[in-house]
Amino acid sequence: MAQSTVQIREMTGADVEAVSGIRVRGWRWAYAGIVPQSYLDAMDPEADAAWRRETLARSAGRVRNLLAVVDGAPVGWAAFGPYRGEPDDAGDGELYALYVVPEHVGTGVGRALTSEVVRQTAELGRTRLLLWVLAENARARRFYAAAGFAPDGGETSDDYDGVRLREVRYARAVA
C-alpha cells in the first residue's frame, strides 16, 4: 500500500470541530497514564470547539494554526506564535500545541507539521522556537529531540485535577 501524502495548510473556522477532536483524542492517547484519567475523561470536544472558535477570532494573525490533512481527512494540528509573555516581535517563537490522531502517530504527520512550523517561524524572523513538554512524556521528548529540540533548563509545573505535573522547556534554533 502506498503511503499517502501529508498536506499542511492553514486552519480555518470550518476546521474548528475537527481540530478540537484531534486535540482531545491526542490528549487522551498521549497523556494516558501521565495526566489523571479524571481530567482526560472530562475533556469535551464541543466545549473545546467553542473555546477555540472564540480564541481563533481573538488571535487572528498572532497565533498561527496549521492543519495536517491525509486523503482529505484532518489528522494533525499545530499552533504556534510568539513566545508567551513576550512582545509579538521578540526573537523567540513558541510551539504551543502539536497533536496527531493516534492512528497517524509515526507516519510522518508530526514531522511534517513540525517542519512547517520551524520554516514559518524562521520566515517570521524569529531565531529560536521553544515548547513545553510534560517531563514524564518520554515519547514526545524523543520526538522533539529527533526534530532538533533540546531541553534548555526551563521548568514549570501545572495542576491537573490536583496532581502537579512538571514540564520542561525545549528549544531549537530556526534561523
C-alpha atoms as a PDB file:
ATOM      1  CA  MET A   1       0.000   0.000   0.000  1.00  0.00           C
ATOM      2  CA  ALA A   2       1.432   3.384  -0.999  1.00  0.00           C
ATOM      3  CA  GLN A   3       1.933   5.952   1.715  1.00  0.00           C
ATOM      4  CA  SER A   4      -0.434   8.918   1.472  1.00  0.00           C
ATOM      5  CA  THR A   5       0.953  12.422   1.177  1.00  0.00           C
ATOM      6  CA  VAL A   6       0.580  14.757   4.132  1.00  0.00           C
ATOM      7  CA  GLN A   7      -0.728  18.172   3.138  1.00  0.00           C
ATOM      8  CA  ILE A   8      -0.225  21.090   5.523  1.00  0.00           C
ATOM      9  CA  ARG A   9      -2.498  24.103   5.306  1.00  0.00           C
ATOM     10  CA  GLU A  10      -3.744  26.919   7.487  1.00  0.00           C
ATOM     11  CA  MET A  11      -6.644  26.076   9.753  1.00  0.00           C
ATOM     12  CA  THR A  12      -9.908  27.900   9.018  1.00  0.00           C
ATOM     13  CA  GLY A  13     -13.042  28.453  11.056  1.00  0.00           C
ATOM     14  CA  ALA A  14     -14.573  25.478   9.259  1.00  0.00           C
ATOM     15  CA  ASP A  15     -11.857  23.255  10.803  1.00  0.00           C
ATOM     16  CA  VAL A  16     -12.570  24.093  14.450  1.00  0.00           C
ATOM     17  CA  GLU A  17     -14.561  20.954  15.273  1.00  0.00           C
ATOM     18  CA  ALA A  18     -12.001  18.709  13.585  1.00  0.00           C
ATOM     19  CA  VAL A  19      -9.130  20.392  15.442  1.00  0.00           C
ATOM     20  CA  SER A  20     -10.941  20.060  18.767  1.00  0.00           C
ATOM     21  CA  GLY A  21     -11.440  16.372  18.064  1.00  0.00           C
ATOM     22  CA  ILE A  22      -7.740  15.987  17.190  1.00  0.00           C
ATOM     23  CA  ARG A  23      -6.721  17.807  20.377  1.00  0.00           C
ATOM     24  CA  VAL A  24      -8.984  15.811  22.707  1.00  0.00           C
ATOM     25  CA  ARG A  25      -8.114  12.453  21.104  1.00  0.00           C
ATOM     26  CA  GLY A  26      -4.439  13.433  21.131  1.00  0.00           C
ATOM     27  CA  TRP A  27      -4.529  14.340  24.819  1.00  0.00           C
ATOM     28  CA  ARG A  28      -6.363  11.164  25.802  1.00  0.00           C
ATOM     29  CA  TRP A  29      -3.874   8.999  23.897  1.00  0.00           C
ATOM     30  CA  ALA A  30      -0.608  10.840  24.578  1.00  0.00           C
ATOM     31  CA  TYR A  31      -1.212  11.553  28.262  1.00  0.00           C
ATOM     32  CA  ALA A  32      -2.852   8.287  29.336  1.00  0.00           C
ATOM     33  CA  GLY A  33      -1.048   7.165  32.484  1.00  0.00           C
ATOM     34  CA  ILE A  34       0.535  10.618  32.940  1.00  0.00           C
ATOM     35  CA  VAL A  35      -2.363  13.066  33.373  1.00  0.00           C
ATOM     36  CA  PRO A  36      -5.111  11.888  35.767  1.00  0.00           C
ATOM     37  CA  GLN A  37      -7.748   9.890  33.909  1.00  0.00           C
ATOM     38  CA  SER A  38     -10.459  12.045  35.508  1.00  0.00           C
ATOM     39  CA  TYR A  39      -9.006  15.101  33.735  1.00  0.00           C
ATOM     40  CA  LEU A  40      -8.800  13.287  30.383  1.00  0.00           C
ATOM     41  CA  ASP A  41     -12.336  11.906  30.716  1.00  0.00           C
ATOM     42  CA  ALA A  42     -13.701  15.391  31.443  1.00  0.00           C
ATOM     43  CA  MET A  43     -12.306  16.823  28.196  1.00  0.00           C
ATOM     44  CA  ASP A  44     -15.218  17.783  25.959  1.00  0.00           C
ATOM     45  CA  PRO A  45     -14.671  18.301  22.210  1.00  0.00           C
ATOM     46  CA  GLU A  46     -17.748  20.554  21.960  1.00  0.00           C
ATOM     47  CA  ALA A  47     -16.586  22.833  24.793  1.00  0.00           C
ATOM     48  CA  ASP A  48     -13.088  22.846  23.296  1.00  0.00           C
ATOM     49  CA  ALA A  49     -14.538  23.853  19.908  1.00  0.00           C
ATOM     50  CA  ALA A  50     -16.492  26.746  21.444  1.00  0.00           C
ATOM     51  CA  TRP A  51     -13.374  27.999  23.232  1.00  0.00           C
ATOM     52  CA  ARG A  52     -11.243  27.508  20.092  1.00  0.00           C
ATOM     53  CA  ARG A  53     -13.706  29.408  17.863  1.00  0.00           C
ATOM     54  CA  GLU A  54     -13.578  32.363  20.268  1.00  0.00           C
ATOM     55  CA  THR A  55      -9.779  32.195  20.566  1.00  0.00           C
ATOM     56  CA  LEU A  56      -9.309  31.921  16.799  1.00  0.00           C
ATOM     57  CA  ALA A  57     -11.248  35.152  16.312  1.00  0.00           C
ATOM     58  CA  ARG A  58      -9.297  36.997  19.050  1.00  0.00           C
ATOM     59  CA  SER A  59      -5.842  35.865  17.990  1.00  0.00           C
ATOM     60  CA  ALA A  60      -6.142  36.281  14.228  1.00  0.00           C
ATOM     61  CA  GLY A  61      -2.682  36.871  12.837  1.00  0.00           C
ATOM     62  CA  ARG A  62      -0.863  36.493  16.174  1.00  0.00           C
ATOM     63  CA  VAL A  63      -1.234  32.742  16.534  1.00  0.00           C
ATOM     64  CA  ARG A  64      -0.890  30.510  13.504  1.00  0.00           C
ATOM     65  CA  ASN A  65      -2.770  27.228  13.324  1.00  0.00           C
ATOM     66  CA  LEU A  66      -1.777  24.559  10.832  1.00  0.00           C
ATOM     67  CA  LEU A  67      -3.790  21.519   9.879  1.00  0.00           C
ATOM     68  CA  ALA A  68      -2.327  18.265   8.548  1.00  0.00           C
ATOM     69  CA  VAL A  69      -4.593  16.503   6.065  1.00  0.00           C
ATOM     70  CA  VAL A  70      -4.180  12.978   4.676  1.00  0.00           C
ATOM     71  CA  ASP A  71      -6.545  11.705   1.984  1.00  0.00           C
ATOM     72  CA  GLY A  72      -8.858  14.645   2.643  1.00  0.00           C
ATOM     73  CA  ALA A  73      -9.150  13.991   6.387  1.00  0.00           C
ATOM     74  CA  PRO A  74      -7.690  16.254   9.107  1.00  0.00           C
ATOM     75  CA  VAL A  75      -5.251  14.140  11.144  1.00  0.00           C
ATOM     76  CA  GLY A  76      -2.978  16.630  12.913  1.00  0.00           C
ATOM     77  CA  TRP A  77      -2.807  20.186  14.192  1.00  0.00           C
ATOM     78  CA  ALA A  78      -0.158  22.600  15.385  1.00  0.00           C
ATOM     79  CA  ALA A  79      -0.437  26.080  16.881  1.00  0.00           C
ATOM     80  CA  PHE A  80       2.489  28.486  17.210  1.00  0.00           C
ATOM     81  CA  GLY A  81       3.358  32.148  17.537  1.00  0.00           C
ATOM     82  CA  PRO A  82       5.401  34.485  19.702  1.00  0.00           C
ATOM     83  CA  TYR A  83       6.739  33.095  22.968  1.00  0.00           C
ATOM     84  CA  ARG A  84       4.106  33.625  25.664  1.00  0.00           C
ATOM     85  CA  GLY A  85       4.705  36.702  27.735  1.00  0.00           C
ATOM     86  CA  GLU A  86       6.989  38.342  25.159  1.00  0.00           C
ATOM     87  CA  PRO A  87       6.127  41.001  22.562  1.00  0.00           C
ATOM     88  CA  ASP A  88       4.983  39.780  19.159  1.00  0.00           C
ATOM     89  CA  ASP A  89       8.250  40.928  17.575  1.00  0.00           C
ATOM     90  CA  ALA A  90      10.528  39.145  20.073  1.00  0.00           C
ATOM     91  CA  GLY A  91      13.174  36.777  18.731  1.00  0.00           C
ATOM     92  CA  ASP A  92      11.652  33.637  20.262  1.00  0.00           C
ATOM     93  CA  GLY A  93       8.667  31.771  18.919  1.00  0.00           C
ATOM     94  CA  GLU A  94       6.709  29.077  20.703  1.00  0.00           C
ATOM     95  CA  LEU A  95       5.105  25.863  19.544  1.00  0.00           C
ATOM     96  CA  TYR A  96       2.002  25.976  21.731  1.00  0.00           C
ATOM     97  CA  ALA A  97       0.477  22.677  20.642  1.00  0.00           C
ATOM     98  CA  LEU A  98       1.119  19.745  18.332  1.00  0.00           C
ATOM     99  CA  TYR A  99      -1.286  16.811  18.203  1.00  0.00           C
ATOM    100  CA  VAL A 100      -1.811  13.945  15.786  1.00  0.00           C
ATOM    101  CA  VAL A 101      -4.651  11.429  15.909  1.00  0.00           C
ATOM    102  CA  PRO A 102      -3.358   8.136  17.358  1.00  0.00           C
ATOM    103  CA  GLU A 103      -3.681   6.105  14.159  1.00  0.00           C
ATOM    104  CA  HIS A 104      -1.362   8.547  12.345  1.00  0.00           C
ATOM    105  CA  VAL A 105       1.349   8.751  15.011  1.00  0.00           C
ATOM    106  CA  GLY A 106       4.602   7.529  13.494  1.00  0.00           C
ATOM    107  CA  THR A 107       3.510   8.120   9.890  1.00  0.00           C
ATOM    108  CA  GLY A 108       5.309  11.436   9.336  1.00  0.00           C
ATOM    109  CA  VAL A 109       2.366  13.726  10.106  1.00  0.00           C
ATOM    110  CA  GLY A 110       4.012  15.165  13.235  1.00  0.00           C
ATOM    111  CA  ARG A 111       7.325  15.604  11.416  1.00  0.00           C
ATOM    112  CA  ALA A 112       5.598  17.413   8.533  1.00  0.00           C
ATOM    113  CA  LEU A 113       3.779  19.756  10.917  1.00  0.00           C
ATOM    114  CA  THR A 114       6.954  20.429  12.919  1.00  0.00           C
ATOM    115  CA  SER A 115       8.980  21.153   9.781  1.00  0.00           C
ATOM    116  CA  GLU A 116       6.389  23.646   8.571  1.00  0.00           C
ATOM    117  CA  VAL A 117       6.197  25.325  11.987  1.00  0.00           C
ATOM    118  CA  VAL A 118      10.007  25.672  12.016  1.00  0.00           C
ATOM    119  CA  ARG A 119      10.003  27.038   8.449  1.00  0.00           C
ATOM    120  CA  GLN A 120       7.282  29.608   9.146  1.00  0.00           C
ATOM    121  CA  THR A 121       8.867  30.617  12.462  1.00  0.00           C
ATOM    122  CA  ALA A 122      12.150  31.368  10.652  1.00  0.00           C
ATOM    123  CA  GLU A 123      10.224  33.183   7.913  1.00  0.00           C
ATOM    124  CA  LEU A 124       8.774  35.449  10.625  1.00  0.00           C
ATOM    125  CA  GLY A 125      12.339  36.421  11.577  1.00  0.00           C
ATOM    126  CA  ARG A 126      12.483  34.528  14.838  1.00  0.00           C
ATOM    127  CA  THR A 127      15.747  32.864  15.813  1.00  0.00           C
ATOM    128  CA  ARG A 128      14.529  30.193  18.259  1.00  0.00           C
ATOM    129  CA  LEU A 129      11.485  28.038  18.704  1.00  0.00           C
ATOM    130  CA  LEU A 130      10.561  26.979  22.243  1.00  0.00           C
ATOM    131  CA  LEU A 131       7.998  24.497  23.537  1.00  0.00           C
ATOM    132  CA  TRP A 132       6.877  22.969  26.818  1.00  0.00           C
ATOM    133  CA  VAL A 133       6.512  19.213  27.256  1.00  0.00           C
ATOM    134  CA  LEU A 134       5.473  17.129  30.245  1.00  0.00           C
ATOM    135  CA  ALA A 135       8.611  15.698  31.842  1.00  0.00           C
ATOM    136  CA  GLU A 136       7.031  12.233  32.000  1.00  0.00           C
ATOM    137  CA  ASN A 137       6.067  12.226  28.310  1.00  0.00           C
ATOM    138  CA  ALA A 138       9.064  10.217  27.059  1.00  0.00           C
ATOM    139  CA  ARG A 139       7.546   9.605  23.611  1.00  0.00           C
ATOM    140  CA  ALA A 140       7.083  13.354  22.949  1.00  0.00           C
ATOM    141  CA  ARG A 141      10.529  14.151  24.329  1.00  0.00           C
ATOM    142  CA  ARG A 142      12.102  11.636  21.921  1.00  0.00           C
ATOM    143  CA  PHE A 143      10.083  13.108  19.045  1.00  0.00           C
ATOM    144  CA  TYR A 144      11.208  16.658  19.806  1.00  0.00           C
ATOM    145  CA  ALA A 145      14.840  15.584  20.260  1.00  0.00           C
ATOM    146  CA  ALA A 146      14.731  13.923  16.821  1.00  0.00           C
ATOM    147  CA  ALA A 147      13.367  17.214  15.435  1.00  0.00           C
ATOM    148  CA  GLY A 148      16.379  19.140  16.752  1.00  0.00           C
ATOM    149  CA  PHE A 149      14.980  20.386  20.044  1.00  0.00           C
ATOM    150  CA  ALA A 150      16.833  20.033  23.362  1.00  0.00           C
ATOM    151  CA  PRO A 151      15.989  20.920  26.972  1.00  0.00           C
ATOM    152  CA  ASP A 152      17.245  24.409  27.799  1.00  0.00           C
ATOM    153  CA  GLY A 153      16.861  24.261  31.585  1.00  0.00           C
ATOM    154  CA  GLY A 154      13.450  25.949  31.811  1.00  0.00           C
ATOM    155  CA  GLU A 155      10.952  24.192  34.080  1.00  0.00           C
ATOM    156  CA  THR A 156       7.462  24.850  35.337  1.00  0.00           C
ATOM    157  CA  SER A 157       4.542  22.780  36.578  1.00  0.00           C
ATOM    158  CA  ASP A 158       0.791  22.694  36.128  1.00  0.00           C
ATOM    159  CA  ASP A 159      -2.036  21.211  38.150  1.00  0.00           C
ATOM    160  CA  TYR A 160      -4.289  18.581  36.561  1.00  0.00           C
ATOM    161  CA  ASP A 161      -7.152  17.547  38.858  1.00  0.00           C
ATOM    162  CA  GLY A 162      -4.993  18.049  41.935  1.00  0.00           C
ATOM    163  CA  VAL A 163      -1.904  16.364  40.504  1.00  0.00           C
ATOM    164  CA  ARG A 164       1.099  18.613  39.944  1.00  0.00           C
ATOM    165  CA  LEU A 165       2.993  17.686  36.773  1.00  0.00           C
ATOM    166  CA  ARG A 166       6.407  19.033  35.840  1.00  0.00           C
ATOM    167  CA  GLU A 167       7.034  20.485  32.391  1.00  0.00           C
ATOM    168  CA  VAL A 168      10.395  21.059  30.761  1.00  0.00           C
ATOM    169  CA  ARG A 169      11.157  23.618  28.093  1.00  0.00           C
ATOM    170  CA  TYR A 170      12.810  22.573  24.851  1.00  0.00           C
ATOM    171  CA  ALA A 171      14.420  24.925  22.322  1.00  0.00           C
ATOM    172  CA  ARG A 172      15.959  24.849  18.887  1.00  0.00           C
ATOM    173  CA  ALA A 173      17.462  27.393  16.528  1.00  0.00           C
ATOM    174  CA  VAL A 174      15.368  28.095  13.445  1.00  0.00           C
ATOM    175  CA  ALA A 175      17.375  30.693  11.527  1.00  0.00           C
END
